[in-house]
């Protein structure tokens, strides 16, 4: 399966970028060395628990990147904390004055859903 191969590639890239061995990686995420070895070799698929442990241990890794990847993202030793691209702000963005307070913030997702946060 292509998506599992890509997942393994991202996991290997993460381990390499962090300068870890598979044993040290297993220790850092709190799982057995054999679990990491089996996932990396393709013998086993990663469990949800495994994936969550990875994202909890590496705060710069998003669940979305680990599972789905993003072809526009590159992991490097210099930019290992920039795995998720940050949207750029428009140059003409008006600065908020000190007296203004935020009433609500909306996030609109690519799948058509949204989330509104109200103060």
Foldseek 3Di string as FASTA:
>chain_A
DVLLVVLLVVVVLLCVLVVHDLCVLCVLLVHHSVLSVCSNVVVDPDDPSRLVSNCVSPVLDDSCCNRPNDVVADDHNVPNSCRDPDDDDDPPDDDDDPPDDDAKDKDADPVGDIDIDGD
